[in-house]
Every structure is written in structure tokens, then in C-alpha cells.
C-alpha atoms as a PDB file:
ATOM      1  CA  UNK A   1    -125.365  85.811-121.060  1.00  0.00           C
ATOM      2  CA  UNK A   2    -127.888  83.775-123.442  1.00  0.00           C
ATOM      3  CA  UNK A   3    -127.893  80.726-121.450  1.00  0.00           C
ATOM      4  CA  UNK A   4    -128.213  82.545-118.450  1.00  0.00           C
ATOM      5  CA  UNK A   5    -131.228  84.274-119.620  1.00  0.00           C
ATOM      6  CA  UNK A   6    -132.727  80.740-121.508  1.00  0.00           C
ATOM      7  CA  UNK A   7    -132.392  79.094-118.106  1.00  0.00           C
ATOM      8  CA  UNK A   8    -134.178  81.750-115.875  1.00  0.00           C
ATOM      9  CA  UNK A   9    -136.765  81.996-118.400  1.00  0.00           C
ATOM     10  CA  UNK A  10    -136.942  78.605-118.233  1.00  0.00           C
ATOM     11  CA  UNK A  11    -137.298  78.382-114.435  1.00  0.00           C
ATOM     12  CA  UNK A  12    -139.829  81.155-114.618  1.00  0.00           C
ATOM     13  CA  UNK A  13    -142.308  79.435-117.231  1.00  0.00           C
ATOM     14  CA  UNK A  14    -141.802  76.287-114.481  1.00  0.00           C
ATOM     15  CA  UNK A  15    -143.254  78.520-111.198  1.00  0.00           C
ATOM     16  CA  UNK A  16    -145.872  79.919-113.593  1.00  0.00           C
ATOM     17  CA  UNK A  17    -147.083  76.035-114.652  1.00  0.00           C
ATOM     18  CA  UNK A  18    -146.476  75.194-110.703  1.00  0.00           C
ATOM     19  CA  UNK A  19    -148.633  78.626-109.653  1.00  0.00           C
ATOM     20  CA  UNK A  20    -151.449  77.853-112.555  1.00  0.00           C
ATOM     21  CA  UNK A  21    -151.540  73.899-112.096  1.00  0.00           C
ATOM     22  CA  UNK A  22    -154.181  73.758-109.199  1.00  0.00           C
ATOM     23  CA  UNK A  23    -156.407  76.237-110.762  1.00  0.00           C
ATOM     24  CA  UNK A  24    -156.768  74.190-113.664  1.00  0.00           C
ATOM     25  CA  UNK A  25    -157.263  71.342-111.263  1.00  0.00           C
ATOM     26  CA  UNK A  26    -158.040  71.999-108.076  1.00  0.00           C
ATOM     27  CA  UNK A  27    -158.900  68.857-106.748  1.00  0.00           C
ATOM     28  CA  UNK A  28    -155.135  67.638-107.265  1.00  0.00           C
ATOM     29  CA  UNK A  29    -153.832  67.584-103.753  1.00  0.00           C
ATOM     30  CA  UNK A  30    -150.004  67.069-104.396  1.00  0.00           C
ATOM     31  CA  UNK A  31    -148.477  69.902-106.995  1.00  0.00           C
ATOM     32  CA  UNK A  32    -144.862  68.445-108.242  1.00  0.00           C
ATOM     33  CA  UNK A  33    -142.028  71.123-107.852  1.00  0.00           C
ATOM     34  CA  UNK A  34    -141.015  71.686-111.381  1.00  0.00           C
ATOM     35  CA  UNK A  35    -138.018  74.064-110.311  1.00  0.00           C
ATOM     36  CA  UNK A  36    -136.571  71.004-107.939  1.00  0.00           C
ATOM     37  CA  UNK A  37    -136.773  68.598-110.604  1.00  0.00           C
ATOM     38  CA  UNK A  38    -135.055  71.258-113.190  1.00  0.00           C
ATOM     39  CA  UNK A  39    -132.557  72.396-110.645  1.00  0.00           C
ATOM     40  CA  UNK A  40    -132.060  68.511-109.694  1.00  0.00           C
ATOM     41  CA  UNK A  41    -131.422  67.505-113.375  1.00  0.00           C
ATOM     42  CA  UNK A  42    -128.893  70.336-113.992  1.00  0.00           C
ATOM     43  CA  UNK A  43    -126.923  69.433-110.963  1.00  0.00           C
ATOM     44  CA  UNK A  44    -126.434  66.206-112.276  1.00  0.00           C
ATOM     45  CA  UNK A  45    -125.677  66.883-115.691  1.00  0.00           C
ATOM     46  CA  UNK A  46    -123.254  69.924-115.347  1.00  0.00           C
ATOM     47  CA  UNK A  47    -122.653  70.173-111.575  1.00  0.00           C
ATOM     48  CA  UNK A  48    -122.779  72.174-108.484  1.00  0.00           C
ATOM     49  CA  UNK A  49    -121.622  75.562-109.482  1.00  0.00           C
ATOM     50  CA  UNK A  50    -124.252  75.863-112.521  1.00  0.00           C
ATOM     51  CA  UNK A  51    -127.265  74.486-110.277  1.00  0.00           C
ATOM     52  CA  UNK A  52    -126.625  76.490-107.518  1.00  0.00           C
ATOM     53  CA  UNK A  53    -126.788  79.888-109.526  1.00  0.00           C
ATOM     54  CA  UNK A  54    -130.413  78.063-110.565  1.00  0.00           C
ATOM     55  CA  UNK A  55    -131.122  77.137-107.319  1.00  0.00           C
ATOM     56  CA  UNK A  56    -130.920  80.770-106.185  1.00  0.00           C
ATOM     57  CA  UNK A  57    -132.859  82.227-108.569  1.00  0.00           C
ATOM     58  CA  UNK A  58    -135.307  79.453-108.705  1.00  0.00           C
ATOM     59  CA  UNK A  59    -135.695  80.160-104.895  1.00  0.00           C
ATOM     60  CA  UNK A  60    -135.855  83.667-104.793  1.00  0.00           C
ATOM     61  CA  UNK A  61    -138.498  83.622-107.155  1.00  0.00           C
ATOM     62  CA  UNK A  62    -140.386  81.188-105.155  1.00  0.00           C
ATOM     63  CA  UNK A  63    -140.122  83.075-101.781  1.00  0.00           C
ATOM     64  CA  UNK A  64    -141.245  86.094-103.871  1.00  0.00           C
ATOM     65  CA  UNK A  65    -144.705  84.633-105.615  1.00  0.00           C
ATOM     66  CA  UNK A  66    -145.403  81.584-103.201  1.00  0.00           C
ATOM     67  CA  UNK A  67    -144.425  82.544 -99.401  1.00  0.00           C
ATOM     68  CA  UNK A  68    -144.961  85.717 -97.658  1.00  0.00           C
ATOM     69  CA  UNK A  69    -141.516  84.778 -96.007  1.00  0.00           C
ATOM     70  CA  UNK A  70    -138.880  85.902 -97.976  1.00  0.00           C
ATOM     71  CA  UNK A  71    -135.573  83.966 -97.819  1.00  0.00           C
ATOM     72  CA  UNK A  72    -137.562  80.475 -97.043  1.00  0.00           C
ATOM     73  CA  UNK A  73    -136.807  78.557-100.467  1.00  0.00           C
ATOM     74  CA  UNK A  74    -133.294  80.054-101.563  1.00  0.00           C
ATOM     75  CA  UNK A  75    -131.251  78.150 -98.813  1.00  0.00           C
ATOM     76  CA  UNK A  76    -133.418  75.429 -99.253  1.00  0.00           C
ATOM     77  CA  UNK A  77    -132.977  74.838-103.134  1.00  0.00           C
ATOM     78  CA  UNK A  78    -129.436  75.965-103.371  1.00  0.00           C
ATOM     79  CA  UNK A  79    -128.280  73.702-100.587  1.00  0.00           C
ATOM     80  CA  UNK A  80    -130.424  70.996-102.715  1.00  0.00           C
ATOM     81  CA  UNK A  81    -128.318  71.738-105.725  1.00  0.00           C
ATOM     82  CA  UNK A  82    -125.103  71.447-104.018  1.00  0.00           C
ATOM     83  CA  UNK A  83    -126.201  68.250-102.843  1.00  0.00           C
ATOM     84  CA  UNK A  84    -127.893  66.816-105.882  1.00  0.00           C
ATOM     85  CA  UNK A  85    -124.481  67.616-107.834  1.00  0.00           C
ATOM     86  CA  UNK A  86    -122.449  65.280-105.807  1.00  0.00           C
ATOM     87  CA  UNK A  87    -123.706  63.023-108.158  1.00  0.00           C
ATOM     88  CA  UNK A  88    -122.268  64.781-111.222  1.00  0.00           C
ATOM     89  CA  UNK A  89    -119.749  62.849-112.835  1.00  0.00           C
ATOM     90  CA  UNK A  90    -120.612  59.483-111.263  1.00  0.00           C
ATOM     91  CA  UNK A  91    -122.650  57.347-113.679  1.00  0.00           C
ATOM     92  CA  UNK A  92    -123.394  57.298-117.075  1.00  0.00           C
ATOM     93  CA  UNK A  93    -125.433  59.452-118.836  1.00  0.00           C
ATOM     94  CA  UNK A  94    -127.096  56.369-120.019  1.00  0.00           C
ATOM     95  CA  UNK A  95    -128.473  55.078-116.876  1.00  0.00           C
ATOM     96  CA  UNK A  96    -132.217  56.670-116.196  1.00  0.00           C
ATOM     97  CA  UNK A  97    -132.259  55.700-112.460  1.00  0.00           C
ATOM     98  CA  UNK A  98    -129.292  57.861-111.283  1.00  0.00           C
ATOM     99  CA  UNK A  99    -131.553  61.214-112.222  1.00  0.00           C
ATOM    100  CA  UNK A 100    -135.139  60.022-110.606  1.00  0.00           C
ATOM    101  CA  UNK A 101    -133.641  58.824-107.524  1.00  0.00           C
ATOM    102  CA  UNK A 102    -131.944  62.004-107.109  1.00  0.00           C
ATOM    103  CA  UNK A 103    -135.021  63.788-106.896  1.00  0.00           C
ATOM    104  CA  UNK A 104    -136.182  61.255-104.753  1.00  0.00           C
ATOM    105  CA  UNK A 105    -133.816  61.718-102.320  1.00  0.00           C
ATOM    106  CA  UNK A 106    -133.353  65.613-103.060  1.00  0.00           C
ATOM    107  CA  UNK A 107    -137.427  66.155-102.886  1.00  0.00           C
ATOM    108  CA  UNK A 108    -137.278  64.505 -99.125  1.00  0.00           C
ATOM    109  CA  UNK A 109    -134.179  66.740 -98.325  1.00  0.00           C
ATOM    110  CA  UNK A 110    -135.634  70.088 -99.108  1.00  0.00           C
ATOM    111  CA  UNK A 111    -139.132  69.042 -97.719  1.00  0.00           C
ATOM    112  CA  UNK A 112    -136.731  68.304 -94.271  1.00  0.00           C
ATOM    113  CA  UNK A 113    -135.426  71.554 -94.427  1.00  0.00           C
ATOM    114  CA  UNK A 114    -138.307  73.501 -95.438  1.00  0.00           C
ATOM    115  CA  UNK A 115    -140.583  72.214 -92.399  1.00  0.00           C
ATOM    116  CA  UNK A 116    -137.343  72.588 -89.846  1.00  0.00           C
ATOM    117  CA  UNK A 117    -137.069  76.273 -91.245  1.00  0.00           C
ATOM    118  CA  UNK A 118    -140.705  76.862 -91.578  1.00  0.00           C
ATOM    119  CA  UNK A 119    -141.458  78.638 -87.832  1.00  0.00           C
ATOM    120  CA  UNK A 120    -144.646  77.389 -87.337  1.00  0.00           C
ATOM    121  CA  UNK A 121    -143.770  74.037 -88.114  1.00  0.00           C
ATOM    122  CA  UNK A 122    -141.265  73.725 -86.488  1.00  0.00           C
ATOM    123  CA  UNK A 123    -142.526  71.935 -82.939  1.00  0.00           C
ATOM    124  CA  UNK A 124    -146.183  71.734 -84.187  1.00  0.00           C
ATOM    125  CA  UNK A 125    -145.711  69.328 -86.817  1.00  0.00           C
ATOM    126  CA  UNK A 126    -146.422  65.365 -86.896  1.00  0.00           C
ATOM    127  CA  UNK A 127    -143.298  64.840 -89.087  1.00  0.00           C
ATOM    128  CA  UNK A 128    -144.297  60.828 -89.132  1.00  0.00           C
ATOM    129  CA  UNK A 129    -147.751  61.384 -90.315  1.00  0.00           C
ATOM    130  CA  UNK A 130    -146.115  64.509 -92.912  1.00  0.00           C
ATOM    131  CA  UNK A 131    -143.311  62.075 -94.334  1.00  0.00           C
ATOM    132  CA  UNK A 132    -146.028  59.526 -95.183  1.00  0.00           C
ATOM    133  CA  UNK A 133    -149.030  61.480 -96.022  1.00  0.00           C
ATOM    134  CA  UNK A 134    -147.289  64.292 -97.907  1.00  0.00           C
ATOM    135  CA  UNK A 135    -143.602  63.800 -98.609  1.00  0.00           C
ATOM    136  CA  UNK A 136    -142.648  60.266 -99.956  1.00  0.00           C
ATOM    137  CA  UNK A 137    -145.681  60.993-102.541  1.00  0.00           C
ATOM    138  CA  UNK A 138    -144.489  64.077-103.540  1.00  0.00           C
ATOM    139  CA  UNK A 139    -140.891  62.130-104.054  1.00  0.00           C
ATOM    140  CA  UNK A 140    -142.473  59.738-105.806  1.00  0.00           C
ATOM    141  CA  UNK A 141    -144.241  62.246-108.263  1.00  0.00           C
ATOM    142  CA  UNK A 142    -141.338  64.279-108.567  1.00  0.00           C
ATOM    143  CA  UNK A 143    -138.793  61.402-109.301  1.00  0.00           C
ATOM    144  CA  UNK A 144    -141.851  59.676-111.723  1.00  0.00           C
ATOM    145  CA  UNK A 145    -142.138  63.103-113.776  1.00  0.00           C
ATOM    146  CA  UNK A 146    -137.984  63.225-113.534  1.00  0.00           C
ATOM    147  CA  UNK A 147    -138.064  59.970-115.388  1.00  0.00           C
ATOM    148  CA  UNK A 148    -140.213  61.130-118.479  1.00  0.00           C
ATOM    149  CA  UNK A 149    -138.138  63.818-118.520  1.00  0.00           C
ATOM    150  CA  UNK A 150    -134.634  62.522-118.560  1.00  0.00           C
ATOM    151  CA  UNK A 151    -135.807  59.800-120.844  1.00  0.00           C
ATOM    152  CA  UNK A 152    -137.353  62.160-123.562  1.00  0.00           C
ATOM    153  CA  UNK A 153    -133.473  64.574-122.804  1.00  0.00           C
ATOM    154  CA  UNK A 154    -131.539  61.487-123.421  1.00  0.00           C
ATOM    155  CA  UNK A 155    -133.313  60.039-126.747  1.00  0.00           C
ATOM    156  CA  UNK A 156    -133.617  63.718-127.950  1.00  0.00           C
ATOM    157  CA  UNK A 157    -129.831  63.713-128.458  1.00  0.00           C
ATOM    158  CA  UNK A 158    -128.751  64.500-125.562  1.00  0.00           C
ATOM    159  CA  UNK A 159    -129.064  68.417-126.412  1.00  0.00           C
ATOM    160  CA  UNK A 160    -127.408  70.902-123.904  1.00  0.00           C
ATOM    161  CA  UNK A 161    -130.076  71.865-121.385  1.00  0.00           C
ATOM    162  CA  UNK A 162    -128.385  75.048-121.545  1.00  0.00           C
ATOM    163  CA  UNK A 163    -129.701  75.878-124.718  1.00  0.00           C
ATOM    164  CA  UNK A 164    -126.638  75.411-126.973  1.00  0.00           C
ATOM    165  CA  UNK A 165    -126.770  72.725-129.367  1.00  0.00           C
END
């Protein structure tokens, strides 16, 4: 039970940080998705079941606080957590490039699924422009953040992200 409360509190902190970042830096064009980064790292390290639980919780929290349509981020984050968990156990933990690459691909899948589920973008959006101007730079930013987060995690004694040492 402590593990779930600890991880949900981390997700709430990341959501608050993600929502307050544009307030402190209003000139930012891209806001990284810290919840997606956390979920993908958990999926790679701990597997599908763990990541899907926190993907659903993080998506539900984002639905409540960001969108007016409940149920948009929840299935997208859960699906991305499941797809990211396919990388779990298939590489050595010393490989520092797999988590950023996983987050890069997960960001692209996340944003495309989000655009497909969002009704007003379904037929009105120019997808090539969105991919070039928003999705790929956001994926690169998320993967850069992931590289440093995973580097810190790896060199900090590879502690358990669930809060247990």
C-alpha cells in the first residue's frame, strides 16, 4: 500500500510541476510530459502491470485537471504504458539509450493517439505539420529529459523507483 501511495504522490507532484511550468516560463512553446516519462521508465523497469496502473492513474489525473473531456488521456496513457512495457527485460540496465528511445517512440504514439481521439483535430488538423512542428520536438525534449533522469537513477545505486531500497 505504501508503494502505491508513494508512486501516486510522485505522479501528482509531476502533474503539478507540469501544470506550473508554463506559469513560471510563459515563453515555452513545448511543455514536456513528465507523467509520460515516469510511466515509460516504470514500464521499462517494472513491466506492464505496474506501468498500466500508474498510466491509468496519471491519465485520469490529467483528464481531471487539463481537459474538459474525461477519458481522453486515461486510455492513451494506459495503452502507451502497455506498449512501453514490451521493452521490459529485453536489454541490460546499463544500456542508457533504450529508455530515451522508448520515450521518444512513446511520445510519438501518445500524441498521435491523442490527436486521433480528440474530435476537433480528427479531420481539421494537418498531421504532417503537427508531427514536424510539435510532436517530434516534444519527443526529442522528453527523451533528453529521460536520458538525464535514467542516468541519475542508474548511477544513484539503481534504487527501486517504488520507494523501497
